[in-house]
Amino acid sequence: MGVKYFSGTATYSKTVQAPASWFRPGQHLWINLGRVRDIAEVKVNGRATGQVWAPLY
């Protein structure tokens, strides 16, 4: 028998090597999270940068 309901968390991480040219004053970076089913929180270098939780992300 499978799990009918799940109330918990999962953590995924991805290391990205970003060139210094990506980081200029006034520059915005966009991260494509792919398909988010429920909620996602993005952290960069341990610092929270935002959350998405409902379409349209």
PDB file of N, CA and C in Angstrom:
ATOM      1  N   MET A   1       0.846  -1.174   0.000  1.00  0.00           N
ATOM      2  CA  MET A   1       0.000   0.000   0.000  1.00  0.00           C
ATOM      3  C   MET A   1       0.895   1.243   0.000  1.00  0.00           C
ATOM      4  N   GLY A   2       0.604   2.203  -0.858  1.00  0.00           N
ATOM      5  CA  GLY A   2       1.388   3.428  -0.948  1.00  0.00           C
ATOM      6  C   GLY A   2       0.947   4.465   0.060  1.00  0.00           C
ATOM      7  N   VAL A   3       1.702   5.519   0.157  1.00  0.00           N
ATOM      8  CA  VAL A   3       1.375   6.630   1.052  1.00  0.00           C
ATOM      9  C   VAL A   3       0.315   7.488   0.386  1.00  0.00           C
ATOM     10  N   LYS A   4      -0.816   7.671   1.070  1.00  0.00           N
ATOM     11  CA  LYS A   4      -1.900   8.465   0.496  1.00  0.00           C
ATOM     12  C   LYS A   4      -1.644   9.961   0.672  1.00  0.00           C
ATOM     13  N   TYR A   5      -1.178  10.360   1.817  1.00  0.00           N
ATOM     14  CA  TYR A   5      -0.887  11.771   2.095  1.00  0.00           C
ATOM     15  C   TYR A   5       0.523  11.871   2.656  1.00  0.00           C
ATOM     16  N   PHE A   6       1.190  12.941   2.308  1.00  0.00           N
ATOM     17  CA  PHE A   6       2.542  13.152   2.826  1.00  0.00           C
ATOM     18  C   PHE A   6       2.653  14.578   3.324  1.00  0.00           C
ATOM     19  N   SER A   7       3.140  14.730   4.513  1.00  0.00           N
ATOM     20  CA  SER A   7       3.370  16.055   5.080  1.00  0.00           C
ATOM     21  C   SER A   7       4.807  16.074   5.567  1.00  0.00           C
ATOM     22  N   GLY A   8       5.674  16.606   4.760  1.00  0.00           N
ATOM     23  CA  GLY A   8       7.076  16.627   5.114  1.00  0.00           C
ATOM     24  C   GLY A   8       7.847  17.515   4.164  1.00  0.00           C
ATOM     25  N   THR A   9       9.129  17.448   4.248  1.00  0.00           N
ATOM     26  CA  THR A   9       9.972  18.298   3.416  1.00  0.00           C
ATOM     27  C   THR A   9      11.004  17.465   2.683  1.00  0.00           C
ATOM     28  N   ALA A  10      11.517  18.052   1.643  1.00  0.00           N
ATOM     29  CA  ALA A  10      12.631  17.466   0.907  1.00  0.00           C
ATOM     30  C   ALA A  10      13.583  18.600   0.568  1.00  0.00           C
ATOM     31  N   THR A  11      14.849  18.301   0.523  1.00  0.00           N
ATOM     32  CA  THR A  11      15.850  19.317   0.208  1.00  0.00           C
ATOM     33  C   THR A  11      16.657  18.870  -0.991  1.00  0.00           C
ATOM     34  N   TYR A  12      16.785  19.744  -1.945  1.00  0.00           N
ATOM     35  CA  TYR A  12      17.612  19.502  -3.122  1.00  0.00           C
ATOM     36  C   TYR A  12      18.645  20.613  -3.182  1.00  0.00           C
ATOM     37  N   SER A  13      19.832  20.285  -3.617  1.00  0.00           N
ATOM     38  CA  SER A  13      20.848  21.319  -3.747  1.00  0.00           C
ATOM     39  C   SER A  13      21.541  21.186  -5.093  1.00  0.00           C
ATOM     40  N   LYS A  14      22.074  22.289  -5.554  1.00  0.00           N
ATOM     41  CA  LYS A  14      22.776  22.327  -6.835  1.00  0.00           C
ATOM     42  C   LYS A  14      23.901  23.335  -6.695  1.00  0.00           C
ATOM     43  N   THR A  15      25.099  22.920  -7.011  1.00  0.00           N
ATOM     44  CA  THR A  15      26.247  23.814  -6.999  1.00  0.00           C
ATOM     45  C   THR A  15      26.450  24.354  -8.406  1.00  0.00           C
ATOM     46  N   VAL A  16      26.553  25.654  -8.507  1.00  0.00           N
ATOM     47  CA  VAL A  16      26.721  26.312  -9.799  1.00  0.00           C
ATOM     48  C   VAL A  16      27.977  27.172  -9.746  1.00  0.00           C
ATOM     49  N   GLN A  17      28.831  27.018 -10.724  1.00  0.00           N
ATOM     50  CA  GLN A  17      30.002  27.879 -10.841  1.00  0.00           C
ATOM     51  C   GLN A  17      29.597  29.070 -11.708  1.00  0.00           C
ATOM     52  N   ALA A  18      29.516  30.241 -11.120  1.00  0.00           N
ATOM     53  CA  ALA A  18      29.067  31.435 -11.827  1.00  0.00           C
ATOM     54  C   ALA A  18      30.240  32.384 -12.047  1.00  0.00           C
ATOM     55  N   PRO A  19      30.453  32.793 -13.283  1.00  0.00           N
ATOM     56  CA  PRO A  19      31.538  33.733 -13.552  1.00  0.00           C
ATOM     57  C   PRO A  19      31.247  35.104 -12.945  1.00  0.00           C
ATOM     58  N   ALA A  20      32.271  35.803 -12.583  1.00  0.00           N
ATOM     59  CA  ALA A  20      32.123  37.130 -11.975  1.00  0.00           C
ATOM     60  C   ALA A  20      31.351  38.085 -12.875  1.00  0.00           C
ATOM     61  N   SER A  21      31.391  37.883 -14.182  1.00  0.00           N
ATOM     62  CA  SER A  21      30.686  38.771 -15.113  1.00  0.00           C
ATOM     63  C   SER A  21      29.167  38.728 -14.927  1.00  0.00           C
ATOM     64  N   TRP A  22      28.640  37.690 -14.257  1.00  0.00           N
ATOM     65  CA  TRP A  22      27.204  37.613 -13.986  1.00  0.00           C
ATOM     66  C   TRP A  22      26.779  38.609 -12.914  1.00  0.00           C
ATOM     67  N   PHE A  23      27.715  39.085 -12.130  1.00  0.00           N
ATOM     68  CA  PHE A  23      27.402  39.896 -10.954  1.00  0.00           C
ATOM     69  C   PHE A  23      27.894  41.323 -11.127  1.00  0.00           C
ATOM     70  N   ARG A  24      27.042  42.126 -11.735  1.00  0.00           N
ATOM     71  CA  ARG A  24      27.357  43.540 -11.931  1.00  0.00           C
ATOM     72  C   ARG A  24      26.326  44.367 -11.191  1.00  0.00           C
ATOM     73  N   PRO A  25      26.674  45.567 -10.759  1.00  0.00           N
ATOM     74  CA  PRO A  25      25.692  46.428 -10.082  1.00  0.00           C
ATOM     75  C   PRO A  25      24.445  46.622 -10.947  1.00  0.00           C
ATOM     76  N   GLY A  26      23.285  46.464 -10.339  1.00  0.00           N
ATOM     77  CA  GLY A  26      22.029  46.641 -11.037  1.00  0.00           C
ATOM     78  C   GLY A  26      21.600  45.457 -11.880  1.00  0.00           C
ATOM     79  N   GLN A  27      22.434  44.425 -11.972  1.00  0.00           N
ATOM     80  CA  GLN A  27      22.145  43.229 -12.775  1.00  0.00           C
ATOM     81  C   GLN A  27      21.175  42.328 -12.036  1.00  0.00           C
ATOM     82  N   HIS A  28      20.210  41.757 -12.740  1.00  0.00           N
ATOM     83  CA  HIS A  28      19.284  40.780 -12.164  1.00  0.00           C
ATOM     84  C   HIS A  28      19.610  39.404 -12.738  1.00  0.00           C
ATOM     85  N   LEU A  29      19.559  38.393 -11.888  1.00  0.00           N
ATOM     86  CA  LEU A  29      19.757  37.008 -12.320  1.00  0.00           C
ATOM     87  C   LEU A  29      18.455  36.251 -12.133  1.00  0.00           C
ATOM     88  N   TRP A  30      18.116  35.417 -13.093  1.00  0.00           N
ATOM     89  CA  TRP A  30      16.928  34.590 -13.010  1.00  0.00           C
ATOM     90  C   TRP A  30      17.360  33.134 -12.916  1.00  0.00           C
ATOM     91  N   ILE A  31      16.726  32.390 -12.026  1.00  0.00           N
ATOM     92  CA  ILE A  31      17.013  30.978 -11.856  1.00  0.00           C
ATOM     93  C   ILE A  31      15.777  30.204 -12.304  1.00  0.00           C
ATOM     94  N   ASN A  32      15.930  29.324 -13.269  1.00  0.00           N
ATOM     95  CA  ASN A  32      14.832  28.485 -13.732  1.00  0.00           C
ATOM     96  C   ASN A  32      14.764  27.261 -12.828  1.00  0.00           C
ATOM     97  N   LEU A  33      13.702  27.143 -12.045  1.00  0.00           N
ATOM     98  CA  LEU A  33      13.551  26.038 -11.116  1.00  0.00           C
ATOM     99  C   LEU A  33      12.941  24.802 -11.760  1.00  0.00           C
ATOM    100  N   GLY A  34      12.576  24.911 -13.012  1.00  0.00           N
ATOM    101  CA  GLY A  34      11.895  23.787 -13.642  1.00  0.00           C
ATOM    102  C   GLY A  34      10.483  23.685 -13.105  1.00  0.00           C
ATOM    103  N   ARG A  35       9.991  22.472 -12.954  1.00  0.00           N
ATOM    104  CA  ARG A  35       8.620  22.264 -12.481  1.00  0.00           C
ATOM    105  C   ARG A  35       8.590  22.219 -10.958  1.00  0.00           C
ATOM    106  N   VAL A  36       7.912  23.186 -10.358  1.00  0.00           N
ATOM    107  CA  VAL A  36       7.721  23.218  -8.909  1.00  0.00           C
ATOM    108  C   VAL A  36       6.296  22.775  -8.638  1.00  0.00           C
ATOM    109  N   ARG A  37       6.115  21.737  -7.840  1.00  0.00           N
ATOM    110  CA  ARG A  37       4.764  21.212  -7.613  1.00  0.00           C
ATOM    111  C   ARG A  37       4.056  21.896  -6.468  1.00  0.00           C
ATOM    112  N   ASP A  38       4.745  22.226  -5.391  1.00  0.00           N
ATOM    113  CA  ASP A  38       4.061  22.798  -4.237  1.00  0.00           C
ATOM    114  C   ASP A  38       4.697  24.116  -3.797  1.00  0.00           C
ATOM    115  N   ILE A  39       5.888  24.045  -3.275  1.00  0.00           N
ATOM    116  CA  ILE A  39       6.550  25.259  -2.795  1.00  0.00           C
ATOM    117  C   ILE A  39       8.053  25.081  -2.955  1.00  0.00           C
ATOM    118  N   ALA A  40       8.723  26.176  -3.219  1.00  0.00           N
ATOM    119  CA  ALA A  40      10.185  26.145  -3.316  1.00  0.00           C
ATOM    120  C   ALA A  40      10.738  27.392  -2.649  1.00  0.00           C
ATOM    121  N   GLU A  41      11.791  27.214  -1.905  1.00  0.00           N
ATOM    122  CA  GLU A  41      12.527  28.331  -1.325  1.00  0.00           C
ATOM    123  C   GLU A  41      13.940  28.259  -1.886  1.00  0.00           C
ATOM    124  N   VAL A  42      14.427  29.380  -2.367  1.00  0.00           N
ATOM    125  CA  VAL A  42      15.762  29.433  -2.964  1.00  0.00           C
ATOM    126  C   VAL A  42      16.709  30.135  -2.004  1.00  0.00           C
ATOM    127  N   LYS A  43      17.850  29.503  -1.792  1.00  0.00           N
ATOM    128  CA  LYS A  43      18.909  30.108  -0.986  1.00  0.00           C
ATOM    129  C   LYS A  43      20.171  30.151  -1.828  1.00  0.00           C
ATOM    130  N   VAL A  44      20.885  31.246  -1.732  1.00  0.00           N
ATOM    131  CA  VAL A  44      22.169  31.395  -2.416  1.00  0.00           C
ATOM    132  C   VAL A  44      23.212  31.678  -1.347  1.00  0.00           C
ATOM    133  N   ASN A  45      24.216  30.819  -1.281  1.00  0.00           N
ATOM    134  CA  ASN A  45      25.253  30.920  -0.242  1.00  0.00           C
ATOM    135  C   ASN A  45      24.635  30.977   1.153  1.00  0.00           C
ATOM    136  N   GLY A  46      23.575  30.174   1.371  1.00  0.00           N
ATOM    137  CA  GLY A  46      22.926  30.100   2.677  1.00  0.00           C
ATOM    138  C   GLY A  46      21.953  31.217   2.972  1.00  0.00           C
ATOM    139  N   ARG A  47      21.797  32.150   2.066  1.00  0.00           N
ATOM    140  CA  ARG A  47      20.920  33.313   2.284  1.00  0.00           C
ATOM    141  C   ARG A  47      19.636  33.152   1.470  1.00  0.00           C
ATOM    142  N   ALA A  48      18.477  33.240   2.150  1.00  0.00           N
ATOM    143  CA  ALA A  48      17.189  33.097   1.468  1.00  0.00           C
ATOM    144  C   ALA A  48      17.017  34.223   0.456  1.00  0.00           C
ATOM    145  N   THR A  49      16.613  33.854  -0.756  1.00  0.00           N
ATOM    146  CA  THR A  49      16.425  34.858  -1.805  1.00  0.00           C
ATOM    147  C   THR A  49      14.978  34.964  -2.253  1.00  0.00           C
ATOM    148  N   GLY A  50      14.127  34.045  -1.844  1.00  0.00           N
ATOM    149  CA  GLY A  50      12.721  34.124  -2.197  1.00  0.00           C
ATOM    150  C   GLY A  50      12.046  32.776  -2.177  1.00  0.00           C
ATOM    151  N   GLN A  51      10.703  32.813  -2.290  1.00  0.00           N
ATOM    152  CA  GLN A  51       9.893  31.610  -2.310  1.00  0.00           C
ATOM    153  C   GLN A  51       8.899  31.690  -3.450  1.00  0.00           C
ATOM    154  N   VAL A  52       8.540  30.546  -3.982  1.00  0.00           N
ATOM    155  CA  VAL A  52       7.434  30.434  -4.921  1.00  0.00           C
ATOM    156  C   VAL A  52       6.516  29.328  -4.414  1.00  0.00           C
ATOM    157  N   TRP A  53       5.196  29.526  -4.560  1.00  0.00           N
ATOM    158  CA  TRP A  53       4.317  28.501  -4.046  1.00  0.00           C
ATOM    159  C   TRP A  53       3.038  28.301  -4.831  1.00  0.00           C
ATOM    160  N   ALA A  54       2.782  29.118  -5.790  1.00  0.00           N
ATOM    161  CA  ALA A  54       1.544  28.926  -6.554  1.00  0.00           C
ATOM    162  C   ALA A  54       1.776  29.389  -7.989  1.00  0.00           C
ATOM    163  N   PRO A  55       1.138  28.744  -8.959  1.00  0.00           N
ATOM    164  CA  PRO A  55       1.265  29.209 -10.342  1.00  0.00           C
ATOM    165  C   PRO A  55       0.686  30.617 -10.448  1.00  0.00           C
ATOM    166  N   LEU A  56       1.091  31.413 -11.229  1.00  0.00           N
ATOM    167  CA  LEU A  56       2.274  31.419 -12.053  1.00  0.00           C
ATOM    168  C   LEU A  56       3.478  31.754 -11.204  1.00  0.00           C
ATOM    169  N   TYR A  57       4.489  30.925 -11.283  1.00  0.00           N
ATOM    170  CA  TYR A  57       5.683  31.117 -10.485  1.00  0.00           C
ATOM    171  C   TYR A  57       6.421  32.312 -10.979  1.00  0.00           C
TER     172      TYR A  57
END
